């Protein structure tokens, strides 16, 4: 059995677990964020999470690499302004 197939089976089982629990008398779990005391971006992000887990996941997947790229470019710019050559791999100790 391939490793990919095993992970697909695990993912399917985890996805079906709430439906199976509901059939046997259990209640499905509802995941929400208490956004009453939040404001600004935090309130918006919490409301996105509460309204659609799919949209929240998509925004998170897009946001993390974009912010990582921006932070990397900013760090490279700051290091270049300080005189550190980040484009060369030559060691200065030789």
N, C-alpha and C. Protein backbone atom coordinates (compact mmCIF):
# COMPACT_ATOMS: atom_id res chain seq x y z
N UNK A 1 0.85 -1.16 0.00
CA UNK A 1 0.00 0.00 0.00
C UNK A 1 0.90 1.24 0.00
N UNK A 2 0.66 2.17 -0.90
CA UNK A 2 1.52 3.34 -1.00
C UNK A 2 1.25 4.32 0.14
N UNK A 3 2.26 5.11 0.42
CA UNK A 3 2.16 6.08 1.50
C UNK A 3 1.08 7.13 1.19
N UNK A 4 0.97 7.52 -0.06
CA UNK A 4 -0.03 8.51 -0.47
C UNK A 4 -1.45 7.98 -0.23
N UNK A 5 -1.66 6.71 -0.53
CA UNK A 5 -2.96 6.10 -0.32
C UNK A 5 -3.32 6.07 1.17
N UNK A 6 -2.33 5.77 2.01
CA UNK A 6 -2.58 5.76 3.46
C UNK A 6 -3.01 7.13 3.96
N UNK A 7 -2.30 8.18 3.49
CA UNK A 7 -2.66 9.53 3.92
C UNK A 7 -4.04 9.93 3.41
N UNK A 8 -4.39 9.49 2.21
CA UNK A 8 -5.73 9.77 1.68
C UNK A 8 -6.79 9.09 2.53
N UNK A 9 -6.53 7.87 2.99
CA UNK A 9 -7.49 7.16 3.85
C UNK A 9 -7.63 7.87 5.19
N UNK A 10 -6.53 8.34 5.75
CA UNK A 10 -6.58 9.05 7.02
C UNK A 10 -7.37 10.35 6.86
N UNK A 11 -7.11 11.09 5.79
CA UNK A 11 -7.82 12.35 5.54
C UNK A 11 -9.31 12.11 5.36
N UNK A 12 -9.67 11.05 4.65
CA UNK A 12 -11.08 10.73 4.44
C UNK A 12 -11.75 10.35 5.76
N UNK A 13 -11.06 9.59 6.59
CA UNK A 13 -11.62 9.20 7.88
C UNK A 13 -11.83 10.41 8.79
N UNK A 14 -10.86 11.32 8.80
CA UNK A 14 -11.00 12.52 9.62
C UNK A 14 -12.13 13.41 9.11
N UNK A 15 -12.28 13.47 7.80
CA UNK A 15 -13.35 14.29 7.21
C UNK A 15 -14.73 13.72 7.50
N UNK A 16 -14.84 12.39 7.55
CA UNK A 16 -16.13 11.74 7.76
C UNK A 16 -16.47 11.56 9.23
N UNK A 17 -15.52 11.79 10.14
CA UNK A 17 -15.75 11.53 11.57
C UNK A 17 -16.93 12.31 12.14
N UNK A 18 -17.11 13.62 11.88
CA UNK A 18 -18.27 14.32 12.44
C UNK A 18 -19.60 13.76 11.95
N UNK A 19 -19.67 13.37 10.67
CA UNK A 19 -20.91 12.81 10.14
C UNK A 19 -21.22 11.46 10.79
N UNK A 20 -20.20 10.66 11.01
CA UNK A 20 -20.40 9.36 11.65
C UNK A 20 -20.86 9.56 13.09
N UNK A 21 -20.25 10.52 13.80
CA UNK A 21 -20.64 10.80 15.18
C UNK A 21 -22.08 11.29 15.25
N UNK A 22 -22.51 12.11 14.28
CA UNK A 22 -23.87 12.63 14.27
C UNK A 22 -24.88 11.52 14.03
N UNK A 23 -24.54 10.53 13.24
CA UNK A 23 -25.44 9.41 12.98
C UNK A 23 -25.67 8.57 14.22
N UNK A 24 -24.70 8.54 15.10
CA UNK A 24 -24.79 7.69 16.28
C UNK A 24 -25.17 8.48 17.52
N UNK A 25 -25.87 9.58 17.36
CA UNK A 25 -26.39 10.34 18.49
C UNK A 25 -25.52 11.49 18.93
N UNK A 26 -24.33 11.60 18.43
CA UNK A 26 -23.46 12.72 18.81
C UNK A 26 -23.79 13.95 18.00
N UNK A 27 -23.35 15.08 18.49
CA UNK A 27 -23.57 16.33 17.78
C UNK A 27 -22.28 16.75 17.08
N UNK A 28 -22.37 17.29 15.88
CA UNK A 28 -21.15 17.77 15.22
C UNK A 28 -20.58 18.97 15.97
N UNK A 29 -19.27 19.10 15.92
CA UNK A 29 -18.59 20.18 16.62
C UNK A 29 -18.68 21.45 15.78
N UNK A 30 -19.00 22.55 16.42
CA UNK A 30 -19.07 23.85 15.76
C UNK A 30 -17.88 24.67 16.22
N UNK A 31 -17.04 25.08 15.27
CA UNK A 31 -15.85 25.86 15.59
C UNK A 31 -16.10 27.32 15.25
N UNK A 32 -16.08 28.18 16.27
CA UNK A 32 -16.26 29.62 16.06
C UNK A 32 -15.26 30.39 16.91
N UNK A 33 -15.05 31.64 16.55
CA UNK A 33 -14.18 32.54 17.29
C UNK A 33 -15.06 33.60 17.93
N UNK A 34 -14.80 33.90 19.20
CA UNK A 34 -15.52 34.97 19.88
C UNK A 34 -14.91 36.30 19.44
N UNK A 35 -15.62 37.00 18.59
CA UNK A 35 -15.09 38.24 18.01
C UNK A 35 -15.71 39.49 18.64
N UNK A 36 -16.37 39.36 19.77
CA UNK A 36 -17.02 40.52 20.37
C UNK A 36 -16.04 41.58 20.86
N UNK A 37 -14.88 41.18 21.35
CA UNK A 37 -13.92 42.13 21.90
C UNK A 37 -12.79 42.47 20.93
N UNK A 38 -12.93 42.06 19.68
CA UNK A 38 -11.89 42.32 18.69
C UNK A 38 -12.26 43.52 17.85
N UNK A 39 -11.24 44.16 17.27
CA UNK A 39 -11.50 45.29 16.39
C UNK A 39 -10.49 45.27 15.25
N UNK A 40 -10.79 45.99 14.21
CA UNK A 40 -9.88 46.11 13.07
C UNK A 40 -9.67 44.80 12.34
N UNK A 41 -8.39 44.55 11.99
CA UNK A 41 -8.04 43.36 11.22
C UNK A 41 -8.37 42.08 11.97
N UNK A 42 -8.17 42.08 13.28
CA UNK A 42 -8.45 40.88 14.07
C UNK A 42 -9.94 40.52 14.00
N UNK A 43 -10.81 41.52 14.08
CA UNK A 43 -12.24 41.28 13.99
C UNK A 43 -12.61 40.77 12.60
N UNK A 44 -12.01 41.38 11.57
CA UNK A 44 -12.30 40.94 10.20
C UNK A 44 -11.87 39.49 10.00
N UNK A 45 -10.65 39.16 10.47
CA UNK A 45 -10.13 37.81 10.30
C UNK A 45 -10.99 36.80 11.06
N UNK A 46 -11.42 37.14 12.27
CA UNK A 46 -12.29 36.25 13.06
C UNK A 46 -13.63 36.07 12.37
N UNK A 47 -14.18 37.12 11.79
CA UNK A 47 -15.46 37.00 11.10
C UNK A 47 -15.35 36.16 9.83
N UNK A 48 -14.22 36.27 9.13
CA UNK A 48 -14.00 35.42 7.95
C UNK A 48 -13.97 33.96 8.39
N UNK A 49 -13.29 33.67 9.50
CA UNK A 49 -13.22 32.31 10.03
C UNK A 49 -14.61 31.80 10.40
N UNK A 50 -15.40 32.65 11.05
CA UNK A 50 -16.74 32.23 11.48
C UNK A 50 -17.69 32.01 10.31
N UNK A 51 -17.52 32.77 9.25
CA UNK A 51 -18.45 32.68 8.12
C UNK A 51 -18.13 31.52 7.18
N UNK A 52 -16.84 31.30 6.91
CA UNK A 52 -16.49 30.26 5.94
C UNK A 52 -15.09 29.73 6.22
N UNK A 53 -15.01 28.49 6.66
CA UNK A 53 -13.70 27.89 6.90
C UNK A 53 -12.94 27.71 5.58
N UNK A 54 -13.65 27.49 4.51
CA UNK A 54 -13.02 27.32 3.20
C UNK A 54 -12.35 28.62 2.75
N UNK A 55 -13.05 29.74 2.87
CA UNK A 55 -12.52 31.04 2.49
C UNK A 55 -11.34 31.42 3.40
N UNK A 56 -11.47 31.15 4.69
CA UNK A 56 -10.40 31.41 5.64
C UNK A 56 -9.14 30.62 5.28
N UNK A 57 -9.31 29.35 4.93
CA UNK A 57 -8.18 28.51 4.54
C UNK A 57 -7.51 29.05 3.28
N UNK A 58 -8.31 29.41 2.30
CA UNK A 58 -7.77 29.95 1.06
C UNK A 58 -7.00 31.25 1.30
N UNK A 59 -7.57 32.14 2.10
CA UNK A 59 -6.87 33.39 2.41
C UNK A 59 -5.58 33.14 3.17
N UNK A 60 -5.57 32.18 4.07
CA UNK A 60 -4.37 31.86 4.83
C UNK A 60 -3.29 31.30 3.92
N UNK A 61 -3.67 30.41 3.01
CA UNK A 61 -2.71 29.80 2.10
C UNK A 61 -2.09 30.86 1.17
N UNK A 62 -2.85 31.85 0.81
CA UNK A 62 -2.34 32.92 -0.05
C UNK A 62 -1.52 33.93 0.75
N UNK A 63 -1.97 34.26 1.95
CA UNK A 63 -1.35 35.32 2.74
C UNK A 63 0.04 34.95 3.24
N UNK A 64 0.23 33.72 3.72
CA UNK A 64 1.51 33.34 4.32
C UNK A 64 2.68 33.45 3.33
N UNK A 65 2.60 32.90 2.11
CA UNK A 65 3.74 33.08 1.19
C UNK A 65 3.95 34.53 0.76
N UNK A 66 2.88 35.28 0.59
CA UNK A 66 3.02 36.68 0.18
C UNK A 66 3.73 37.47 1.28
N UNK A 67 3.32 37.29 2.53
CA UNK A 67 3.98 37.99 3.63
C UNK A 67 5.43 37.53 3.79
N UNK A 68 5.68 36.23 3.60
CA UNK A 68 7.05 35.73 3.66
C UNK A 68 7.93 36.35 2.60
N UNK A 69 7.41 36.50 1.39
CA UNK A 69 8.16 37.14 0.31
C UNK A 69 8.44 38.60 0.63
N UNK A 70 7.42 39.31 1.10
CA UNK A 70 7.61 40.72 1.45
C UNK A 70 8.62 40.89 2.58
N UNK A 71 8.55 40.05 3.60
CA UNK A 71 9.50 40.16 4.70
C UNK A 71 10.91 39.81 4.25
N UNK A 72 11.06 38.82 3.36
CA UNK A 72 12.37 38.47 2.84
C UNK A 72 12.97 39.59 2.01
N UNK A 73 12.16 40.20 1.16
CA UNK A 73 12.64 41.32 0.35
C UNK A 73 13.02 42.51 1.23
N UNK A 74 12.21 42.79 2.25
CA UNK A 74 12.52 43.89 3.16
C UNK A 74 13.81 43.61 3.93
N UNK A 75 14.00 42.39 4.38
CA UNK A 75 15.22 42.02 5.09
C UNK A 75 16.43 42.16 4.17
N UNK A 76 16.32 41.69 2.94
CA UNK A 76 17.41 41.83 1.98
C UNK A 76 17.75 43.29 1.72
N UNK A 77 16.74 44.13 1.63
CA UNK A 77 16.96 45.56 1.41
C UNK A 77 17.68 46.19 2.60
N UNK A 78 17.22 45.87 3.81
CA UNK A 78 17.84 46.43 5.02
C UNK A 78 19.28 45.95 5.15
N UNK A 79 19.54 44.67 4.91
CA UNK A 79 20.91 44.15 4.99
C UNK A 79 21.81 44.79 3.93
N UNK A 80 21.29 45.01 2.72
CA UNK A 80 22.08 45.67 1.67
C UNK A 80 22.41 47.10 2.07
N UNK A 81 21.47 47.79 2.71
CA UNK A 81 21.73 49.17 3.17
C UNK A 81 22.77 49.20 4.28
N UNK A 82 22.86 48.09 5.05
CA UNK A 82 23.85 48.01 6.12
C UNK A 82 25.21 47.59 5.60
N UNK A 83 25.29 47.19 4.32
CA UNK A 83 26.56 46.81 3.72
C UNK A 83 26.81 45.31 3.67
N UNK A 84 25.81 44.52 4.01
CA UNK A 84 25.95 43.06 3.95
C UNK A 84 25.55 42.62 2.55
N UNK A 85 26.46 41.91 1.86
CA UNK A 85 26.17 41.43 0.52
C UNK A 85 25.48 40.07 0.62
N UNK A 86 24.17 40.05 0.44
CA UNK A 86 23.42 38.81 0.55
C UNK A 86 23.35 38.04 -0.77
N UNK A 87 23.85 38.64 -1.84
CA UNK A 87 23.80 37.98 -3.14
C UNK A 87 25.03 37.12 -3.41
N UNK A 88 26.08 37.30 -2.62
CA UNK A 88 27.32 36.56 -2.81
C UNK A 88 27.49 35.51 -1.72
N UNK A 89 28.02 34.34 -2.09
CA UNK A 89 28.26 33.29 -1.10
C UNK A 89 29.73 33.16 -0.76
N UNK A 90 30.54 34.16 -1.10
CA UNK A 90 31.96 34.14 -0.82
C UNK A 90 32.18 34.44 0.65
N UNK A 91 32.97 33.61 1.32
CA UNK A 91 33.27 33.84 2.73
C UNK A 91 34.34 34.90 2.88
N UNK A 92 34.15 35.79 3.83
CA UNK A 92 35.09 36.89 4.04
C UNK A 92 36.28 36.47 4.90
N UNK A 93 36.24 35.31 5.53
CA UNK A 93 37.30 34.91 6.44
C UNK A 93 38.54 34.39 5.72
N UNK A 94 38.49 34.17 4.43
CA UNK A 94 39.64 33.59 3.73
C UNK A 94 40.75 34.55 3.65
